[in-house]
N, C-alpha and C. Protein backbone atom coordinates (compact mmCIF):
# COMPACT_ATOMS: atom_id res chain seq x y z
N MET A 1 -6.20 76.72 6.43
CA MET A 1 -5.87 76.60 5.21
C MET A 1 -5.72 75.49 4.60
N ASN A 2 -4.82 74.43 5.63
CA ASN A 2 -4.71 73.02 5.12
C ASN A 2 -5.81 72.31 4.70
N ASP A 3 -6.87 72.17 5.66
CA ASP A 3 -8.15 71.43 5.44
C ASP A 3 -8.67 72.17 3.87
N ILE A 4 -8.92 73.64 3.80
CA ILE A 4 -9.50 74.04 2.61
C ILE A 4 -9.01 73.44 1.37
N ALA A 5 -7.63 73.59 1.76
CA ALA A 5 -6.65 73.04 0.60
C ALA A 5 -7.04 71.55 0.22
N LYS A 6 -7.09 70.78 1.08
CA LYS A 6 -7.26 69.62 1.05
C LYS A 6 -8.70 69.22 0.34
N ARG A 7 -9.57 70.11 0.90
CA ARG A 7 -11.15 69.62 0.21
C ARG A 7 -11.18 70.15 -1.02
N LEU A 8 -10.54 71.20 -1.55
CA LEU A 8 -10.44 71.85 -3.09
C LEU A 8 -9.84 70.71 -3.78
N LYS A 9 -8.58 70.23 -3.37
CA LYS A 9 -7.81 69.23 -4.05
C LYS A 9 -8.66 68.20 -4.36
N ALA A 10 -9.64 67.63 -3.50
CA ALA A 10 -10.37 66.51 -3.93
C ALA A 10 -11.42 66.76 -4.81
N LEU A 11 -11.58 68.07 -5.21
CA LEU A 11 -12.48 68.29 -6.49
C LEU A 11 -11.72 68.41 -7.87
N SER A 12 -10.54 68.19 -7.85
CA SER A 12 -9.78 68.42 -9.01
C SER A 12 -9.84 67.22 -10.08
N ASP A 13 -10.43 66.27 -9.73
CA ASP A 13 -10.57 65.14 -10.59
C ASP A 13 -12.36 65.09 -11.17
N PRO A 14 -12.24 65.00 -12.51
CA PRO A 14 -13.67 64.96 -13.38
C PRO A 14 -14.55 63.96 -12.55
N THR A 15 -13.81 62.67 -12.40
CA THR A 15 -14.66 61.75 -11.65
C THR A 15 -15.37 62.03 -10.61
N ARG A 16 -14.67 62.73 -9.62
CA ARG A 16 -15.00 62.87 -8.35
C ARG A 16 -16.14 64.35 -8.59
N LEU A 17 -16.01 65.06 -9.42
CA LEU A 17 -17.01 66.16 -9.81
C LEU A 17 -18.16 65.68 -10.31
N ARG A 18 -18.15 64.16 -11.22
CA ARG A 18 -19.54 63.69 -11.44
C ARG A 18 -20.05 63.12 -10.47
N ILE A 19 -19.27 62.47 -9.55
CA ILE A 19 -19.89 61.80 -8.47
C ILE A 19 -20.65 62.95 -7.20
N VAL A 20 -20.10 64.08 -7.20
CA VAL A 20 -20.65 65.26 -6.22
C VAL A 20 -22.00 65.81 -7.05
N GLN A 21 -21.75 65.63 -8.39
CA GLN A 21 -23.19 66.06 -9.03
C GLN A 21 -24.09 64.94 -8.60
N LEU A 22 -23.92 63.99 -8.94
CA LEU A 22 -24.84 62.79 -8.66
C LEU A 22 -25.63 62.79 -7.51
N LEU A 23 -24.82 62.88 -6.26
CA LEU A 23 -25.10 62.79 -4.96
C LEU A 23 -25.91 64.03 -4.64
N GLY A 24 -25.85 65.22 -5.40
CA GLY A 24 -26.70 66.28 -5.46
C GLY A 24 -28.23 66.05 -5.40
N HIS A 25 -28.56 65.00 -5.90
CA HIS A 25 -29.88 64.25 -6.09
C HIS A 25 -30.41 63.55 -4.63
N GLY A 26 -29.39 63.36 -4.09
CA GLY A 26 -29.54 62.35 -2.67
C GLY A 26 -28.84 61.26 -2.41
N GLU A 27 -28.88 60.55 -1.50
CA GLU A 27 -28.19 59.51 -1.26
C GLU A 27 -28.25 58.30 -2.22
N LEU A 28 -27.17 57.79 -2.46
CA LEU A 28 -27.00 56.82 -3.56
C LEU A 28 -26.14 55.37 -2.99
N CYS A 29 -26.22 54.40 -3.38
CA CYS A 29 -25.58 53.09 -3.33
C CYS A 29 -24.52 53.26 -4.18
N VAL A 30 -23.19 52.70 -3.84
CA VAL A 30 -22.30 52.63 -4.73
C VAL A 30 -22.60 52.01 -6.10
N CYS A 31 -23.48 50.98 -6.32
CA CYS A 31 -23.96 50.60 -7.12
C CYS A 31 -24.84 51.45 -8.36
N ASP A 32 -25.59 52.18 -7.80
CA ASP A 32 -26.04 53.51 -8.26
C ASP A 32 -25.11 54.21 -9.05
N VAL A 33 -23.91 54.72 -8.30
CA VAL A 33 -23.17 55.44 -9.09
C VAL A 33 -22.20 54.79 -10.23
N MET A 34 -21.99 53.43 -9.76
CA MET A 34 -21.17 52.73 -10.55
C MET A 34 -22.20 52.72 -12.20
N ALA A 35 -23.37 52.47 -12.05
CA ALA A 35 -24.46 52.63 -13.22
C ALA A 35 -24.25 53.86 -13.76
N ALA A 36 -24.56 54.83 -13.35
CA ALA A 36 -24.66 56.05 -13.59
C ALA A 36 -23.45 56.91 -14.56
N LEU A 37 -22.14 56.15 -13.99
CA LEU A 37 -20.85 56.93 -14.27
C LEU A 37 -20.32 55.47 -15.28
N THR A 38 -20.83 54.30 -15.58
CA THR A 38 -20.39 53.43 -16.15
C THR A 38 -19.11 53.09 -15.70
N LEU A 39 -18.60 53.04 -14.43
CA LEU A 39 -17.45 52.69 -14.17
C LEU A 39 -17.12 51.18 -13.07
N PRO A 40 -16.05 50.93 -13.23
CA PRO A 40 -16.09 49.50 -12.04
C PRO A 40 -16.26 49.69 -10.56
N GLN A 41 -16.68 48.77 -9.82
CA GLN A 41 -16.58 49.12 -8.62
C GLN A 41 -15.50 49.79 -7.64
N SER A 42 -14.17 49.19 -7.90
CA SER A 42 -12.92 49.61 -7.33
C SER A 42 -12.78 50.92 -7.74
N ARG A 43 -13.22 51.53 -8.76
CA ARG A 43 -12.75 52.91 -9.31
C ARG A 43 -13.61 53.95 -8.46
N VAL A 44 -14.90 53.45 -8.46
CA VAL A 44 -15.88 54.38 -7.92
C VAL A 44 -15.52 54.38 -6.30
N SER A 45 -15.51 53.15 -5.91
CA SER A 45 -15.17 53.33 -4.22
C SER A 45 -13.84 54.03 -4.08
N ARG A 46 -12.99 54.06 -4.73
CA ARG A 46 -11.97 54.63 -4.54
C ARG A 46 -11.82 56.23 -4.57
N HIS A 47 -12.69 56.82 -5.51
CA HIS A 47 -13.10 58.11 -5.54
C HIS A 47 -13.83 58.56 -4.63
N LEU A 48 -15.03 57.68 -4.01
CA LEU A 48 -15.78 57.91 -2.90
C LEU A 48 -14.99 57.94 -1.71
N ALA A 49 -14.12 57.04 -1.32
CA ALA A 49 -13.18 57.23 -0.20
C ALA A 49 -12.59 58.23 -0.36
N TYR A 50 -12.02 58.79 -1.36
CA TYR A 50 -11.23 60.29 -1.37
C TYR A 50 -12.26 61.35 -0.91
N LEU A 51 -13.44 61.38 -1.65
CA LEU A 51 -14.48 62.49 -1.18
C LEU A 51 -14.72 62.40 0.22
N ASP A 52 -14.90 61.13 0.83
CA ASP A 52 -15.37 61.05 2.19
C ASP A 52 -14.23 61.50 3.09
N ASN A 53 -12.96 60.93 2.76
CA ASN A 53 -11.63 61.46 3.49
C ASN A 53 -11.51 62.99 3.53
N SER A 54 -12.20 63.64 2.23
CA SER A 54 -11.74 64.86 2.46
C SER A 54 -12.79 65.89 2.86
N GLY A 55 -14.07 65.18 3.27
CA GLY A 55 -15.27 65.80 3.84
C GLY A 55 -16.21 66.26 2.92
N TRP A 56 -16.41 65.88 1.75
CA TRP A 56 -17.37 66.01 0.63
C TRP A 56 -18.76 65.19 1.20
N VAL A 57 -18.30 63.91 1.17
CA VAL A 57 -19.43 62.89 1.28
C VAL A 57 -19.34 62.38 2.65
N THR A 58 -20.60 61.75 2.83
CA THR A 58 -20.55 60.87 4.04
C THR A 58 -21.19 59.29 3.67
N GLY A 59 -20.66 58.26 4.10
CA GLY A 59 -21.13 56.79 3.91
C GLY A 59 -21.93 56.24 4.90
N VAL A 60 -22.92 55.36 4.70
CA VAL A 60 -23.65 54.63 5.60
C VAL A 60 -23.55 53.24 5.01
N ARG A 61 -23.00 52.05 5.74
CA ARG A 61 -23.01 50.68 5.58
C ARG A 61 -24.28 50.14 5.58
N ARG A 62 -24.77 49.61 4.54
CA ARG A 62 -26.20 48.76 4.61
C ARG A 62 -25.70 47.33 4.25
N GLY A 63 -25.42 46.48 4.91
CA GLY A 63 -25.17 45.13 4.21
C GLY A 63 -23.94 45.08 3.97
N LYS A 64 -23.70 44.73 2.52
CA LYS A 64 -22.46 44.59 1.83
C LYS A 64 -22.22 45.82 1.05
N TRP A 65 -23.28 47.07 0.90
CA TRP A 65 -23.12 48.21 0.28
C TRP A 65 -22.93 49.27 1.30
N VAL A 66 -22.39 50.38 0.49
CA VAL A 66 -22.20 51.40 1.53
C VAL A 66 -23.25 52.69 0.72
N SER A 67 -23.77 53.13 1.14
CA SER A 67 -24.60 54.53 0.41
C SER A 67 -24.10 55.54 0.94
N TYR A 68 -23.99 56.63 -0.15
CA TYR A 68 -23.37 57.85 0.34
C TYR A 68 -24.36 58.99 -0.11
N ARG A 69 -24.05 60.17 0.53
CA ARG A 69 -24.60 61.29 0.55
C ARG A 69 -23.65 62.68 0.60
N LEU A 70 -23.79 63.63 0.15
CA LEU A 70 -23.27 64.96 0.34
C LEU A 70 -23.13 65.21 2.01
N ALA A 71 -22.05 65.56 2.20
CA ALA A 71 -21.80 66.11 3.85
C ALA A 71 -22.14 67.32 3.87
N GLU A 72 -22.67 67.52 5.29
CA GLU A 72 -22.71 69.06 5.65
C GLU A 72 -21.61 69.61 5.34
N PRO A 73 -21.48 70.98 4.59
CA PRO A 73 -20.05 71.47 4.71
C PRO A 73 -19.65 71.92 5.98
N ALA A 74 -18.52 71.82 5.96
CA ALA A 74 -17.58 72.06 7.71
C ALA A 74 -17.26 73.37 7.73
N ASP A 75 -17.18 74.14 6.69
CA ASP A 75 -17.00 75.58 6.86
C ASP A 75 -17.58 76.57 5.76
N PRO A 76 -17.46 78.05 5.81
CA PRO A 76 -18.13 78.71 4.88
C PRO A 76 -17.77 78.59 3.51
N VAL A 77 -16.44 78.48 3.25
CA VAL A 77 -15.94 78.07 2.01
C VAL A 77 -16.47 76.68 1.35
N GLN A 78 -16.46 75.90 2.12
CA GLN A 78 -16.82 74.55 1.30
C GLN A 78 -18.22 74.82 1.26
N ALA A 79 -19.39 75.43 2.02
CA ALA A 79 -20.63 75.54 1.60
C ALA A 79 -20.75 76.55 0.40
N ARG A 80 -19.84 77.59 0.25
CA ARG A 80 -19.96 78.10 -1.03
C ARG A 80 -19.73 77.54 -2.23
N VAL A 81 -18.43 76.83 -2.23
CA VAL A 81 -17.95 75.93 -3.21
C VAL A 81 -19.22 75.07 -3.56
N LEU A 82 -19.66 74.07 -2.93
CA LEU A 82 -20.85 73.23 -3.05
C LEU A 82 -21.95 73.93 -3.59
N ALA A 83 -22.37 75.16 -3.15
CA ALA A 83 -23.38 75.68 -3.76
C ALA A 83 -23.04 76.27 -5.17
N ALA A 84 -22.00 76.80 -5.27
CA ALA A 84 -21.41 76.89 -6.71
C ALA A 84 -21.75 75.74 -7.61
N LEU A 85 -21.04 74.46 -7.13
CA LEU A 85 -21.24 73.34 -7.95
C LEU A 85 -22.39 72.82 -8.13
N ARG A 86 -23.64 72.79 -7.21
CA ARG A 86 -24.64 72.38 -7.26
C ARG A 86 -25.57 73.14 -8.43
N GLU A 87 -25.03 74.47 -8.47
CA GLU A 87 -25.60 75.51 -9.54
C GLU A 87 -25.41 75.23 -10.80
N THR A 88 -23.74 75.03 -10.96
CA THR A 88 -23.31 74.96 -12.18
C THR A 88 -23.29 73.45 -12.90
N LEU A 89 -22.77 72.49 -12.16
CA LEU A 89 -22.68 71.29 -12.82
C LEU A 89 -23.86 70.58 -13.49
N PRO A 90 -25.46 70.74 -13.12
CA PRO A 90 -26.25 70.10 -13.99
C PRO A 90 -26.34 70.62 -15.22
N GLY A 91 -25.64 71.60 -15.57
CA GLY A 91 -25.95 72.28 -16.78
C GLY A 91 -24.67 71.47 -17.91
N LEU A 92 -23.99 70.92 -17.48
CA LEU A 92 -22.97 70.56 -18.34
C LEU A 92 -23.37 69.02 -18.78
N PRO A 93 -22.85 68.94 -20.13
CA PRO A 93 -23.36 67.63 -20.88
C PRO A 93 -23.13 66.39 -20.39
N MET A 94 -22.08 66.25 -19.96
CA MET A 94 -21.54 65.10 -19.27
C MET A 94 -22.43 64.80 -17.80
N ALA A 95 -22.67 65.57 -17.02
CA ALA A 95 -23.76 65.78 -15.91
C ALA A 95 -24.94 65.30 -16.07
N ARG A 96 -25.64 65.93 -17.18
CA ARG A 96 -26.77 65.32 -17.99
C ARG A 96 -26.99 63.95 -18.52
N GLU A 97 -25.76 63.35 -19.13
CA GLU A 97 -25.81 62.04 -19.50
C GLU A 97 -25.52 61.16 -18.23
N ASP A 98 -24.90 61.30 -17.28
CA ASP A 98 -24.86 60.63 -16.03
C ASP A 98 -26.21 60.80 -15.46
N HIS A 99 -26.94 61.75 -15.24
CA HIS A 99 -28.19 61.69 -14.63
C HIS A 99 -29.09 60.92 -15.51
N ALA A 100 -29.20 60.99 -16.65
CA ALA A 100 -30.25 59.88 -17.65
C ALA A 100 -29.67 58.78 -17.14
N ARG A 101 -28.71 57.99 -17.25
CA ARG A 101 -28.21 56.80 -16.96
C ARG A 101 -28.74 56.66 -15.70
N LEU A 102 -28.51 57.51 -14.72
CA LEU A 102 -28.67 57.25 -13.04
C LEU A 102 -30.47 56.69 -13.15
N CYS A 103 -31.01 57.75 -13.93
CA CYS A 103 -32.70 57.74 -13.77
C CYS A 103 -33.07 56.41 -14.35
N ALA A 104 -32.21 55.94 -15.66
CA ALA A 104 -32.63 54.50 -16.09
C ALA A 104 -32.35 53.45 -15.27
N HIS A 105 -31.13 53.61 -14.42
CA HIS A 105 -30.89 52.39 -13.54
C HIS A 105 -32.01 52.46 -12.52
N LEU A 106 -32.30 53.52 -11.97
CA LEU A 106 -33.15 53.44 -10.58
C LEU A 106 -34.42 52.90 -11.18
N LYS A 107 -35.01 53.32 -12.37
CA LYS A 107 -36.30 52.85 -12.65
C LYS A 107 -36.13 51.22 -12.84
N THR A 108 -35.06 50.38 -13.16
CA THR A 108 -34.79 49.18 -13.16
C THR A 108 -34.52 48.38 -12.00
N LYS A 109 -33.95 49.01 -10.91
CA LYS A 109 -33.32 48.59 -9.94
C LYS A 109 -34.56 48.01 -8.61
N THR A 110 -34.14 46.60 -8.60
CA THR A 110 -34.95 45.91 -7.46
C THR A 110 -34.84 46.45 -5.98
N ALA A 111 -35.63 46.10 -5.06
CA ALA A 111 -35.44 46.19 -3.59
C ALA A 111 -34.24 45.39 -3.27
N ALA A 112 -33.97 44.29 -3.92
CA ALA A 112 -32.52 43.42 -3.23
C ALA A 112 -31.54 43.71 -3.92
N ALA A 113 -31.32 44.80 -4.78
CA ALA A 113 -30.13 44.97 -5.51
C ALA A 113 -29.02 45.42 -4.37
N CYS A 114 -29.43 46.13 -3.46
CA CYS A 114 -28.34 46.77 -2.58
C CYS A 114 -28.70 46.10 -1.15
N ALA A 115 -28.97 46.77 -0.30
CA ALA A 115 -29.06 46.19 1.13
C ALA A 115 -30.48 46.23 1.47
N GLY A 116 -31.39 46.33 0.83
CA GLY A 116 -32.88 46.26 1.19
C GLY A 116 -33.98 47.05 0.87
N PRO A 117 -35.19 46.76 1.38
CA PRO A 117 -36.18 47.81 0.70
C PRO A 117 -36.17 49.26 0.95
N ASP A 118 -35.21 49.46 2.07
CA ASP A 118 -35.20 50.84 2.44
C ASP A 118 -34.10 51.79 1.49
N THR A 119 -33.81 51.04 0.50
CA THR A 119 -33.00 51.82 -0.60
C THR A 119 -33.38 51.37 -2.09
N ALA A 120 -34.55 50.84 -1.91
CA ALA A 120 -35.12 50.11 -3.29
C ALA A 120 -35.21 51.32 -4.22
N LYS A 121 -36.25 52.44 -3.62
CA LYS A 121 -36.46 53.40 -4.56
C LYS A 121 -35.71 54.87 -4.54
N GLN A 122 -34.69 54.98 -3.84
CA GLN A 122 -33.88 55.99 -3.54
C GLN A 122 -33.72 56.67 -5.02
N GLY A 123 -33.98 57.94 -4.65
CA GLY A 123 -33.77 58.77 -5.86
C GLY A 123 -34.94 59.02 -7.02
N ASP A 124 -36.18 58.47 -6.69
CA ASP A 124 -37.24 58.54 -7.17
C ASP A 124 -37.47 60.11 -7.54
N GLY A 125 -37.23 60.88 -6.89
CA GLY A 125 -37.49 62.35 -6.81
C GLY A 125 -36.76 62.94 -7.89
N ILE A 126 -35.70 62.24 -8.67
CA ILE A 126 -34.70 63.09 -9.52
C ILE A 126 -35.49 63.41 -10.68
């Protein structure tokens, strides 16, 4: 019960829900999330750390940047909540605006922007 409560509490913040929505499109660098949400690095990193500590996302360090993706659900409750979020969040106006900013950012992102060429075109399929 405590683990489920901790995971659900992590979703009680609108910014963290916006991040979960963005990561539903695939792995993103912190700078990508910053651009989509128009928030400073410190705030985005703090929310990503909270989501990581509660089991919603996982991060991989690439140079000075960290890329995040949605974590594999740890239990059936988390899997069902994540499925409901993936179905519902894209239809919300703020999520559509975030997605549009993300797409615009990714179109102009250079290979050297984050950790290197392996992350240069992340999210092209969005």
